[in-house]
């Protein structure tokens, strides 16, 4: 892990070894700003992807699995908030990307039928690229453009 990320874990009392025991970790949207006074929060979109990964037998966790409290927000706008997703094992990457892409397709189709603008996506994906190195992609923009980025990230592309 990068030095800043280790410091963040330690600041919140999270054990690095426990963190690394997962294939995918979902970080709350407000992880860096969150304190004991202000709860960490996730969108229900993140929770749904977490559940789908578990169904696929991917060892995934979130801040609650690491001993912290969190609240879950159901947003009423069309934006898709996914927070920070750590991919710690390459094997989980294509499954995660497929789940996100399928959900984006459903959102795009739903909003298109209503003649609404494309939903915005807010996400950061940190992928393990080497033993202790991570590649990070932070995106905030329209869903269709993000689908193209996901396609480019797929293994073998």
C-alpha atoms as a PDB file:
ATOM      1  CA  UNK A   1       0.000   0.000   0.000  1.00  0.00           C
ATOM      2  CA  UNK A   2       0.996   3.578  -0.487  1.00  0.00           C
ATOM      3  CA  UNK A   3       2.282   5.399   2.598  1.00  0.00           C
ATOM      4  CA  UNK A   4      -0.721   7.796   2.727  1.00  0.00           C
ATOM      5  CA  UNK A   5      -3.139   4.871   2.648  1.00  0.00           C
ATOM      6  CA  UNK A   6      -1.363   3.100   5.513  1.00  0.00           C
ATOM      7  CA  UNK A   7      -1.523   6.322   7.530  1.00  0.00           C
ATOM      8  CA  UNK A   8      -5.296   6.556   6.856  1.00  0.00           C
ATOM      9  CA  UNK A   9      -5.797   2.961   8.046  1.00  0.00           C
ATOM     10  CA  UNK A  10      -3.809   3.609  11.201  1.00  0.00           C
ATOM     11  CA  UNK A  11      -5.602   6.897  11.834  1.00  0.00           C
ATOM     12  CA  UNK A  12      -8.897   4.994  11.939  1.00  0.00           C
ATOM     13  CA  UNK A  13      -7.500   2.037  13.891  1.00  0.00           C
ATOM     14  CA  UNK A  14      -7.771  -0.468  11.037  1.00  0.00           C
ATOM     15  CA  UNK A  15      -5.310  -3.347  10.928  1.00  0.00           C
ATOM     16  CA  UNK A  16      -3.446  -3.548   7.599  1.00  0.00           C
ATOM     17  CA  UNK A  17      -3.266  -7.358   7.751  1.00  0.00           C
ATOM     18  CA  UNK A  18      -7.046  -7.644   8.161  1.00  0.00           C
ATOM     19  CA  UNK A  19      -7.542  -5.140   5.331  1.00  0.00           C
ATOM     20  CA  UNK A  20      -5.339  -7.247   3.032  1.00  0.00           C
ATOM     21  CA  UNK A  21      -7.275 -10.453   3.777  1.00  0.00           C
ATOM     22  CA  UNK A  22     -10.053  -9.344   1.391  1.00  0.00           C
ATOM     23  CA  UNK A  23     -10.172  -9.450  -2.399  1.00  0.00           C
ATOM     24  CA  UNK A  24     -12.241  -6.259  -2.623  1.00  0.00           C
ATOM     25  CA  UNK A  25     -12.818  -3.549  -0.001  1.00  0.00           C
ATOM     26  CA  UNK A  26     -15.448  -0.840  -0.224  1.00  0.00           C
ATOM     27  CA  UNK A  27     -14.376   2.383   1.446  1.00  0.00           C
ATOM     28  CA  UNK A  28     -17.005   4.880   2.529  1.00  0.00           C
ATOM     29  CA  UNK A  29     -17.401   7.981   0.414  1.00  0.00           C
ATOM     30  CA  UNK A  30     -16.229  10.133   3.326  1.00  0.00           C
ATOM     31  CA  UNK A  31     -13.406   7.894   4.596  1.00  0.00           C
ATOM     32  CA  UNK A  32     -10.728  10.570   4.605  1.00  0.00           C
ATOM     33  CA  UNK A  33     -13.031  13.157   6.178  1.00  0.00           C
ATOM     34  CA  UNK A  34     -14.865  10.781   8.539  1.00  0.00           C
ATOM     35  CA  UNK A  35     -14.278  10.884  12.279  1.00  0.00           C
ATOM     36  CA  UNK A  36     -15.684   9.115  15.304  1.00  0.00           C
ATOM     37  CA  UNK A  37     -18.188  11.982  15.585  1.00  0.00           C
ATOM     38  CA  UNK A  38     -19.275  11.923  11.940  1.00  0.00           C
ATOM     39  CA  UNK A  39     -20.353   8.488  10.731  1.00  0.00           C
ATOM     40  CA  UNK A  40     -18.920   6.908   7.628  1.00  0.00           C
ATOM     41  CA  UNK A  41     -21.505   6.509   4.895  1.00  0.00           C
ATOM     42  CA  UNK A  42     -22.181   4.367   1.837  1.00  0.00           C
ATOM     43  CA  UNK A  43     -24.773   4.698  -0.872  1.00  0.00           C
ATOM     44  CA  UNK A  44     -27.207   1.853  -1.431  1.00  0.00           C
ATOM     45  CA  UNK A  45     -25.597   1.433  -4.893  1.00  0.00           C
ATOM     46  CA  UNK A  46     -22.380   0.398  -3.157  1.00  0.00           C
ATOM     47  CA  UNK A  47     -24.243  -2.030  -0.893  1.00  0.00           C
ATOM     48  CA  UNK A  48     -25.899  -3.675  -3.911  1.00  0.00           C
ATOM     49  CA  UNK A  49     -22.547  -4.226  -5.650  1.00  0.00           C
ATOM     50  CA  UNK A  50     -21.088  -5.574  -2.389  1.00  0.00           C
ATOM     51  CA  UNK A  51     -23.931  -8.125  -2.200  1.00  0.00           C
ATOM     52  CA  UNK A  52     -23.496  -9.185  -5.831  1.00  0.00           C
ATOM     53  CA  UNK A  53     -19.781  -9.775  -5.289  1.00  0.00           C
ATOM     54  CA  UNK A  54     -20.524 -11.901  -2.218  1.00  0.00           C
ATOM     55  CA  UNK A  55     -22.916 -14.011  -4.322  1.00  0.00           C
ATOM     56  CA  UNK A  56     -20.006 -14.553  -6.740  1.00  0.00           C
ATOM     57  CA  UNK A  57     -17.877 -15.825  -3.814  1.00  0.00           C
ATOM     58  CA  UNK A  58     -15.591 -12.799  -3.812  1.00  0.00           C
ATOM     59  CA  UNK A  59     -14.161 -12.042  -0.356  1.00  0.00           C
ATOM     60  CA  UNK A  60     -15.250  -8.476   0.003  1.00  0.00           C
ATOM     61  CA  UNK A  61     -15.607  -6.218   2.962  1.00  0.00           C
ATOM     62  CA  UNK A  62     -16.503  -2.744   3.987  1.00  0.00           C
ATOM     63  CA  UNK A  63     -15.727  -0.515   6.924  1.00  0.00           C
ATOM     64  CA  UNK A  64     -18.232  -2.375   9.130  1.00  0.00           C
ATOM     65  CA  UNK A  65     -16.346  -5.640   8.513  1.00  0.00           C
ATOM     66  CA  UNK A  66     -13.273  -3.844   9.827  1.00  0.00           C
ATOM     67  CA  UNK A  67     -14.986  -2.887  13.087  1.00  0.00           C
ATOM     68  CA  UNK A  68     -16.304   0.591  12.306  1.00  0.00           C
ATOM     69  CA  UNK A  69     -19.870   1.905  12.156  1.00  0.00           C
ATOM     70  CA  UNK A  70     -21.444   3.198   8.971  1.00  0.00           C
ATOM     71  CA  UNK A  71     -24.766   4.514   7.734  1.00  0.00           C
ATOM     72  CA  UNK A  72     -26.352   3.797   4.370  1.00  0.00           C
ATOM     73  CA  UNK A  73     -27.824   6.528   2.218  1.00  0.00           C
ATOM     74  CA  UNK A  74     -30.522   6.083  -0.375  1.00  0.00           C
ATOM     75  CA  UNK A  75     -30.094   8.991  -2.716  1.00  0.00           C
ATOM     76  CA  UNK A  76     -33.068  10.280  -4.675  1.00  0.00           C
ATOM     77  CA  UNK A  77     -31.202  11.791  -7.620  1.00  0.00           C
ATOM     78  CA  UNK A  78     -29.963   9.844 -10.612  1.00  0.00           C
ATOM     79  CA  UNK A  79     -26.261  10.072  -9.665  1.00  0.00           C
ATOM     80  CA  UNK A  80     -24.451   6.842  -8.856  1.00  0.00           C
ATOM     81  CA  UNK A  81     -22.121   7.148  -5.857  1.00  0.00           C
ATOM     82  CA  UNK A  82     -19.744   4.215  -5.368  1.00  0.00           C
ATOM     83  CA  UNK A  83     -17.073   5.662  -3.101  1.00  0.00           C
ATOM     84  CA  UNK A  84     -13.611   4.094  -3.134  1.00  0.00           C
ATOM     85  CA  UNK A  85     -13.269   0.468  -4.185  1.00  0.00           C
ATOM     86  CA  UNK A  86     -10.006  -1.329  -3.454  1.00  0.00           C
ATOM     87  CA  UNK A  87      -9.272  -4.343  -5.665  1.00  0.00           C
ATOM     88  CA  UNK A  88      -6.640  -6.306  -3.746  1.00  0.00           C
ATOM     89  CA  UNK A  89      -6.682  -9.451  -5.911  1.00  0.00           C
ATOM     90  CA  UNK A  90      -6.631  -9.276  -9.687  1.00  0.00           C
ATOM     91  CA  UNK A  91      -8.981 -12.278  -9.922  1.00  0.00           C
ATOM     92  CA  UNK A  92     -11.842 -10.130  -8.583  1.00  0.00           C
ATOM     93  CA  UNK A  93     -11.358  -7.295 -11.086  1.00  0.00           C
ATOM     94  CA  UNK A  94     -13.269  -8.696 -14.104  1.00  0.00           C
ATOM     95  CA  UNK A  95     -16.174  -9.750 -11.888  1.00  0.00           C
ATOM     96  CA  UNK A  96     -16.351  -6.312 -10.253  1.00  0.00           C
ATOM     97  CA  UNK A  97     -16.132  -4.516 -13.609  1.00  0.00           C
ATOM     98  CA  UNK A  98     -18.871  -6.731 -15.069  1.00  0.00           C
ATOM     99  CA  UNK A  99     -21.215  -6.051 -12.153  1.00  0.00           C
ATOM    100  CA  UNK A 100     -20.645  -2.296 -12.329  1.00  0.00           C
ATOM    101  CA  UNK A 101     -21.056  -2.261 -16.119  1.00  0.00           C
ATOM    102  CA  UNK A 102     -24.323  -4.223 -15.945  1.00  0.00           C
ATOM    103  CA  UNK A 103     -25.700  -1.843 -13.319  1.00  0.00           C
ATOM    104  CA  UNK A 104     -24.688   1.169 -15.416  1.00  0.00           C
ATOM    105  CA  UNK A 105     -26.456  -0.290 -18.454  1.00  0.00           C
ATOM    106  CA  UNK A 106     -29.625  -0.710 -16.396  1.00  0.00           C
ATOM    107  CA  UNK A 107     -29.385   2.892 -15.104  1.00  0.00           C
ATOM    108  CA  UNK A 108     -28.755   4.274 -18.596  1.00  0.00           C
ATOM    109  CA  UNK A 109     -31.695   2.357 -20.069  1.00  0.00           C
ATOM    110  CA  UNK A 110     -34.001   3.435 -17.234  1.00  0.00           C
ATOM    111  CA  UNK A 111     -33.103   7.118 -17.558  1.00  0.00           C
ATOM    112  CA  UNK A 112     -33.237   7.018 -21.386  1.00  0.00           C
ATOM    113  CA  UNK A 113     -36.800   5.661 -21.309  1.00  0.00           C
ATOM    114  CA  UNK A 114     -37.775   8.626 -19.138  1.00  0.00           C
ATOM    115  CA  UNK A 115     -35.900  11.032 -21.461  1.00  0.00           C
ATOM    116  CA  UNK A 116     -33.726  12.044 -18.504  1.00  0.00           C
ATOM    117  CA  UNK A 117     -30.062  13.000 -18.840  1.00  0.00           C
ATOM    118  CA  UNK A 118     -27.494  10.255 -18.322  1.00  0.00           C
ATOM    119  CA  UNK A 119     -26.702   9.619 -14.671  1.00  0.00           C
ATOM    120  CA  UNK A 120     -23.389  10.846 -13.297  1.00  0.00           C
ATOM    121  CA  UNK A 121     -21.007   8.316 -11.753  1.00  0.00           C
ATOM    122  CA  UNK A 122     -18.726   9.122  -8.814  1.00  0.00           C
ATOM    123  CA  UNK A 123     -16.147   6.444  -8.072  1.00  0.00           C
ATOM    124  CA  UNK A 124     -12.507   5.759  -7.312  1.00  0.00           C
ATOM    125  CA  UNK A 125     -11.043   2.331  -8.032  1.00  0.00           C
ATOM    126  CA  UNK A 126      -7.659   1.429  -6.540  1.00  0.00           C
ATOM    127  CA  UNK A 127      -6.241  -1.706  -8.140  1.00  0.00           C
ATOM    128  CA  UNK A 128      -3.223  -3.604  -6.923  1.00  0.00           C
ATOM    129  CA  UNK A 129      -0.775  -3.470  -9.821  1.00  0.00           C
ATOM    130  CA  UNK A 130       2.344  -4.804  -8.129  1.00  0.00           C
ATOM    131  CA  UNK A 131       3.325  -6.188  -4.735  1.00  0.00           C
ATOM    132  CA  UNK A 132       2.924  -2.878  -2.881  1.00  0.00           C
ATOM    133  CA  UNK A 133       1.812  -0.578  -5.697  1.00  0.00           C
ATOM    134  CA  UNK A 134      -1.687   0.525  -6.685  1.00  0.00           C
ATOM    135  CA  UNK A 135      -3.130   2.134  -9.772  1.00  0.00           C
ATOM    136  CA  UNK A 136      -5.944   4.536  -9.035  1.00  0.00           C
ATOM    137  CA  UNK A 137      -8.751   5.718 -11.290  1.00  0.00           C
ATOM    138  CA  UNK A 138     -10.962   8.484  -9.989  1.00  0.00           C
ATOM    139  CA  UNK A 139     -13.984   9.359 -12.095  1.00  0.00           C
ATOM    140  CA  UNK A 140     -16.829  11.822 -11.829  1.00  0.00           C
ATOM    141  CA  UNK A 141     -18.821  12.106 -15.039  1.00  0.00           C
ATOM    142  CA  UNK A 142     -21.477  10.560 -17.234  1.00  0.00           C
ATOM    143  CA  UNK A 143     -22.260   6.850 -17.061  1.00  0.00           C
ATOM    144  CA  UNK A 144     -21.798   6.091 -20.766  1.00  0.00           C
ATOM    145  CA  UNK A 145     -18.240   7.457 -20.815  1.00  0.00           C
ATOM    146  CA  UNK A 146     -17.427   5.494 -17.666  1.00  0.00           C
ATOM    147  CA  UNK A 147     -18.650   2.296 -19.338  1.00  0.00           C
ATOM    148  CA  UNK A 148     -16.007   2.856 -22.031  1.00  0.00           C
ATOM    149  CA  UNK A 149     -13.356   3.199 -19.339  1.00  0.00           C
ATOM    150  CA  UNK A 150     -14.549  -0.034 -17.695  1.00  0.00           C
ATOM    151  CA  UNK A 151     -14.344  -1.824 -21.049  1.00  0.00           C
ATOM    152  CA  UNK A 152     -10.735  -0.651 -21.460  1.00  0.00           C
ATOM    153  CA  UNK A 153      -9.885  -1.993 -17.984  1.00  0.00           C
ATOM    154  CA  UNK A 154     -11.153  -5.487 -18.711  1.00  0.00           C
ATOM    155  CA  UNK A 155      -8.406  -8.096 -18.820  1.00  0.00           C
ATOM    156  CA  UNK A 156      -7.335  -9.010 -22.328  1.00  0.00           C
ATOM    157  CA  UNK A 157      -8.474  -5.714 -23.825  1.00  0.00           C
END
